[in-house]
Amino acid sequence: MKVTEVPAIAGAYLFEPTPYADERGFFCRTFDAEVLRSVGIDPNSFVQHSVSRSVKGVLRGLHLRSGAGEAKLVRCSHGEVFDVVVDLRPDSPTYRNVATFALSGETQASVYIPAGCAHGFQALTDADVSYRIDRPHDPSEDVTIAFDDPELAVPWPLPPVSMSERDRKAPSLAEALALALVPALAPAPAPAPAPEES
């Protein structure tokens, strides 16, 4: 499995496996703990694995998470998607950079997205996308940024045919920042001290 740092997004990596194809189809290892460890990612940090199915033209995003954020390992397991990562960490050397990827079921490549980055994708065909995340999902921490934000100018390849209501009504990045919807990542709260015995 080949690992490449993503220059536009500090701490992001592209993992490219080698599918073994024959007349039956192919076999491919899509997750390797030792490969993740080799670039400083704890493979045991992932606590949930989810999958979305989208028809061609569906656009999902741009999504991120407040509080301590959420790191993701994203892969297109079937079909093809135009995948987008936006660095929204104020202290990052790549703050506000946008990186795009062609992810497909043919290559089975995965993108590691650090906490504090927004993510979205558009299905170029009917497609399944799988996500591993490093914190249990909490809907109260969900943040959405407008997919067509003029500051970010993401070059979406197709007019969106379908979006969620939340994504359609998402604020611009400037509005989200003004409303403190995109706060600096907060450390996880420390456990409360045990009460002293009297």
Protein backbone atom coordinates (compact mmCIF):
# COMPACT_ATOMS: atom_id res chain seq x y z
CA MET A 1 0.00 0.00 0.00
CA LYS A 2 1.42 3.36 -1.06
CA VAL A 3 1.07 6.30 1.36
CA THR A 4 1.37 9.90 0.21
CA GLU A 5 1.19 13.07 2.28
CA VAL A 6 -1.38 15.55 0.95
CA PRO A 7 0.63 18.78 0.49
CA ALA A 8 -2.41 21.07 0.57
CA ILE A 9 -3.71 19.75 3.92
CA ALA A 10 -1.26 19.33 6.81
CA GLY A 11 -1.68 15.92 8.44
CA ALA A 12 -3.80 14.43 5.63
CA TYR A 13 -2.71 11.27 3.79
CA LEU A 14 -3.76 9.36 0.70
CA PHE A 15 -3.57 5.55 0.98
CA GLU A 16 -3.44 3.74 -2.36
CA PRO A 17 -3.68 -0.05 -2.24
CA THR A 18 -2.93 -2.45 -5.09
CA PRO A 19 -6.02 -4.39 -6.19
CA TYR A 20 -5.19 -7.88 -7.52
CA ALA A 21 -7.45 -8.49 -10.52
CA ASP A 22 -8.22 -11.66 -12.48
CA GLU A 23 -11.14 -13.08 -14.44
CA ARG A 24 -13.23 -13.29 -11.24
CA GLY A 25 -12.87 -9.61 -10.34
CA PHE A 26 -10.35 -8.32 -7.78
CA PHE A 27 -9.11 -8.62 -4.20
CA CYS A 28 -7.78 -5.62 -2.30
CA ARG A 29 -6.62 -4.84 1.24
CA THR A 30 -8.20 -1.48 2.08
CA PHE A 31 -7.08 -1.11 5.72
CA ASP A 32 -3.69 -1.98 7.22
CA ALA A 33 -2.93 -1.07 10.83
CA GLU A 34 0.84 -1.16 10.34
CA VAL A 35 0.67 1.19 7.37
CA LEU A 36 -1.37 3.69 9.41
CA ARG A 37 1.08 3.42 12.32
CA SER A 38 3.96 4.14 9.93
CA VAL A 39 2.64 7.70 9.47
CA GLY A 40 1.64 8.26 13.10
CA ILE A 41 -2.07 7.37 12.91
CA ASP A 42 -3.38 5.10 15.64
CA PRO A 43 -5.46 2.43 13.85
CA ASN A 44 -7.24 1.66 17.12
CA SER A 45 -8.54 5.23 17.37
CA PHE A 46 -11.41 4.54 14.96
CA VAL A 47 -14.61 3.79 16.87
CA GLN A 48 -17.35 3.82 14.21
CA HIS A 49 -17.61 2.70 10.59
CA SER A 50 -20.46 3.95 8.40
CA VAL A 51 -21.42 3.85 4.73
CA SER A 52 -23.48 6.19 2.54
CA ARG A 53 -25.05 5.36 -0.83
CA SER A 54 -25.61 8.17 -3.35
CA VAL A 55 -27.01 8.35 -6.85
CA LYS A 56 -25.08 10.17 -9.56
CA GLY A 57 -24.97 13.93 -8.97
CA VAL A 58 -25.77 13.83 -5.23
CA LEU A 59 -23.66 16.30 -3.26
CA ARG A 60 -22.95 15.84 0.45
CA GLY A 61 -21.14 18.54 2.42
CA LEU A 62 -19.30 20.45 3.43
CA HIS A 63 -19.41 18.85 6.89
CA LEU A 64 -17.22 19.13 9.97
CA ARG A 65 -17.57 18.75 13.69
CA SER A 66 -17.17 21.24 16.52
CA GLY A 67 -15.71 20.50 19.95
CA ALA A 68 -12.75 18.15 19.72
CA GLY A 69 -13.42 17.61 16.01
CA GLU A 70 -13.36 14.28 14.24
CA ALA A 71 -10.70 12.53 12.18
CA LYS A 72 -11.98 10.39 9.29
CA LEU A 73 -10.69 7.70 6.96
CA VAL A 74 -12.84 7.95 3.80
CA ARG A 75 -13.01 5.53 0.86
CA CYS A 76 -15.28 5.07 -2.16
CA SER A 77 -16.01 1.35 -2.11
CA HIS A 78 -18.20 1.35 -5.24
CA GLY A 79 -18.58 3.83 -8.09
CA GLU A 80 -16.70 7.14 -8.25
CA VAL A 81 -16.79 10.38 -6.29
CA PHE A 82 -15.19 13.81 -6.38
CA ASP A 83 -13.95 14.17 -2.80
CA VAL A 84 -13.14 17.49 -1.09
CA VAL A 85 -11.22 18.38 2.08
CA VAL A 86 -11.01 21.94 3.46
CA ASP A 87 -8.59 22.82 6.28
CA LEU A 88 -10.46 24.93 8.84
CA ARG A 89 -7.91 24.71 11.67
CA PRO A 90 -6.87 28.32 12.43
CA ASP A 91 -3.42 27.24 13.68
CA SER A 92 -2.69 25.02 10.66
CA PRO A 93 -0.05 26.02 8.09
CA THR A 94 -2.57 24.99 5.41
CA TYR A 95 -5.55 26.90 6.91
CA ARG A 96 -8.38 27.38 4.36
CA ASN A 97 -6.63 25.26 1.73
CA VAL A 98 -8.84 23.02 -0.40
CA ALA A 99 -7.73 19.59 -1.67
CA THR A 100 -9.71 17.41 -4.07
CA PHE A 101 -9.43 13.71 -4.87
CA ALA A 102 -10.86 11.25 -7.37
CA LEU A 103 -11.90 8.26 -5.24
CA SER A 104 -13.32 5.14 -6.85
CA GLY A 105 -14.20 1.52 -6.34
CA GLU A 106 -11.60 0.68 -8.97
CA THR A 107 -8.66 2.05 -6.99
CA GLN A 108 -10.07 1.65 -3.43
CA ALA A 109 -7.87 4.58 -2.30
CA SER A 110 -8.61 6.13 1.11
CA VAL A 111 -8.09 9.67 2.38
CA TYR A 112 -7.21 10.35 6.02
CA ILE A 113 -8.79 13.67 7.05
CA PRO A 114 -7.52 15.26 10.28
CA ALA A 115 -9.91 16.66 12.89
CA GLY A 116 -10.83 20.26 12.14
CA CYS A 117 -11.13 19.80 8.39
CA ALA A 118 -14.42 20.00 6.50
CA HIS A 119 -15.30 17.19 4.11
CA GLY A 120 -17.72 16.69 1.27
CA PHE A 121 -18.12 14.79 -1.96
CA GLN A 122 -20.17 14.56 -5.12
CA ALA A 123 -21.14 11.23 -6.66
CA LEU A 124 -19.92 11.04 -10.28
CA THR A 125 -21.73 7.70 -10.64
CA ASP A 126 -24.01 5.83 -8.26
CA ALA A 127 -21.55 5.36 -5.42
CA ASP A 128 -20.97 3.97 -1.92
CA VAL A 129 -18.64 5.85 0.44
CA SER A 130 -17.39 4.38 3.71
CA TYR A 131 -16.16 6.37 6.69
CA ARG A 132 -14.20 5.39 9.77
CA ILE A 133 -14.33 8.05 12.49
CA ASP A 134 -12.38 8.45 15.71
CA ARG A 135 -15.20 9.71 17.98
CA PRO A 136 -18.78 8.49 18.38
CA HIS A 137 -21.08 10.65 16.28
CA ASP A 138 -22.89 13.43 18.17
CA PRO A 139 -25.44 15.31 16.02
CA SER A 140 -25.27 18.33 18.36
CA GLU A 141 -21.69 18.94 17.13
CA ASP A 142 -22.50 18.78 13.41
CA VAL A 143 -21.51 21.88 11.41
CA THR A 144 -22.25 22.46 7.72
CA ILE A 145 -20.64 25.03 5.41
CA ALA A 146 -22.20 26.01 2.07
CA PHE A 147 -20.90 23.78 -0.71
CA ASP A 148 -20.76 26.79 -3.06
CA ASP A 149 -19.04 29.18 -0.65
CA PRO A 150 -17.33 31.83 -2.82
CA GLU A 151 -14.23 32.03 -0.59
CA LEU A 152 -13.57 28.31 -0.95
CA ALA A 153 -14.60 28.11 -4.63
CA VAL A 154 -14.71 24.30 -4.72
CA PRO A 155 -14.75 23.21 -8.40
CA TRP A 156 -17.67 20.75 -8.18
CA PRO A 157 -17.79 18.83 -11.47
CA LEU A 158 -21.58 18.50 -11.85
CA PRO A 159 -24.65 20.56 -10.99
CA PRO A 160 -26.01 18.94 -7.80
CA VAL A 161 -29.12 16.84 -8.50
CA SER A 162 -29.96 16.28 -4.84
CA MET A 163 -28.83 17.56 -1.42
CA SER A 164 -30.10 17.36 2.13
CA GLU A 165 -32.12 20.29 3.45
CA ARG A 166 -29.34 21.01 5.92
CA ASP A 167 -26.71 21.18 3.16
CA ARG A 168 -28.94 23.33 0.94
CA LYS A 169 -29.45 25.90 3.73
CA ALA A 170 -25.88 25.85 5.09
CA PRO A 171 -24.27 29.21 5.92
CA SER A 172 -21.24 30.53 4.08
CA LEU A 173 -17.85 30.10 5.70
CA ALA A 174 -17.82 33.81 6.66
CA GLU A 175 -21.26 33.49 8.27
CA ALA A 176 -20.27 30.32 10.11
CA LEU A 177 -17.11 31.99 11.43
CA ALA A 178 -19.07 35.09 12.49
CA LEU A 179 -21.60 32.92 14.32
CA ALA A 180 -18.78 30.90 15.91
CA LEU A 181 -20.12 27.75 14.23
CA VAL A 182 -16.52 26.89 13.30
CA PRO A 183 -14.72 27.39 16.61
CA ALA A 184 -11.10 26.51 17.18
CA LEU A 185 -10.96 22.88 18.15
CA ALA A 186 -11.44 22.46 21.86
CA PRO A 187 -9.62 19.75 23.80
CA ALA A 188 -11.80 16.98 25.16
CA PRO A 189 -13.06 17.95 28.61
CA ALA A 190 -11.06 16.55 31.51
CA PRO A 191 -12.94 14.13 33.76
CA ALA A 192 -14.40 15.75 36.85
CA PRO A 193 -12.40 15.06 40.00
CA ALA A 194 -13.88 12.48 42.33
CA PRO A 195 -15.56 14.04 45.37
CA GLU A 196 -13.48 13.94 48.50
CA GLU A 197 -14.71 11.76 51.31
CA SER A 198 -15.55 13.63 54.49
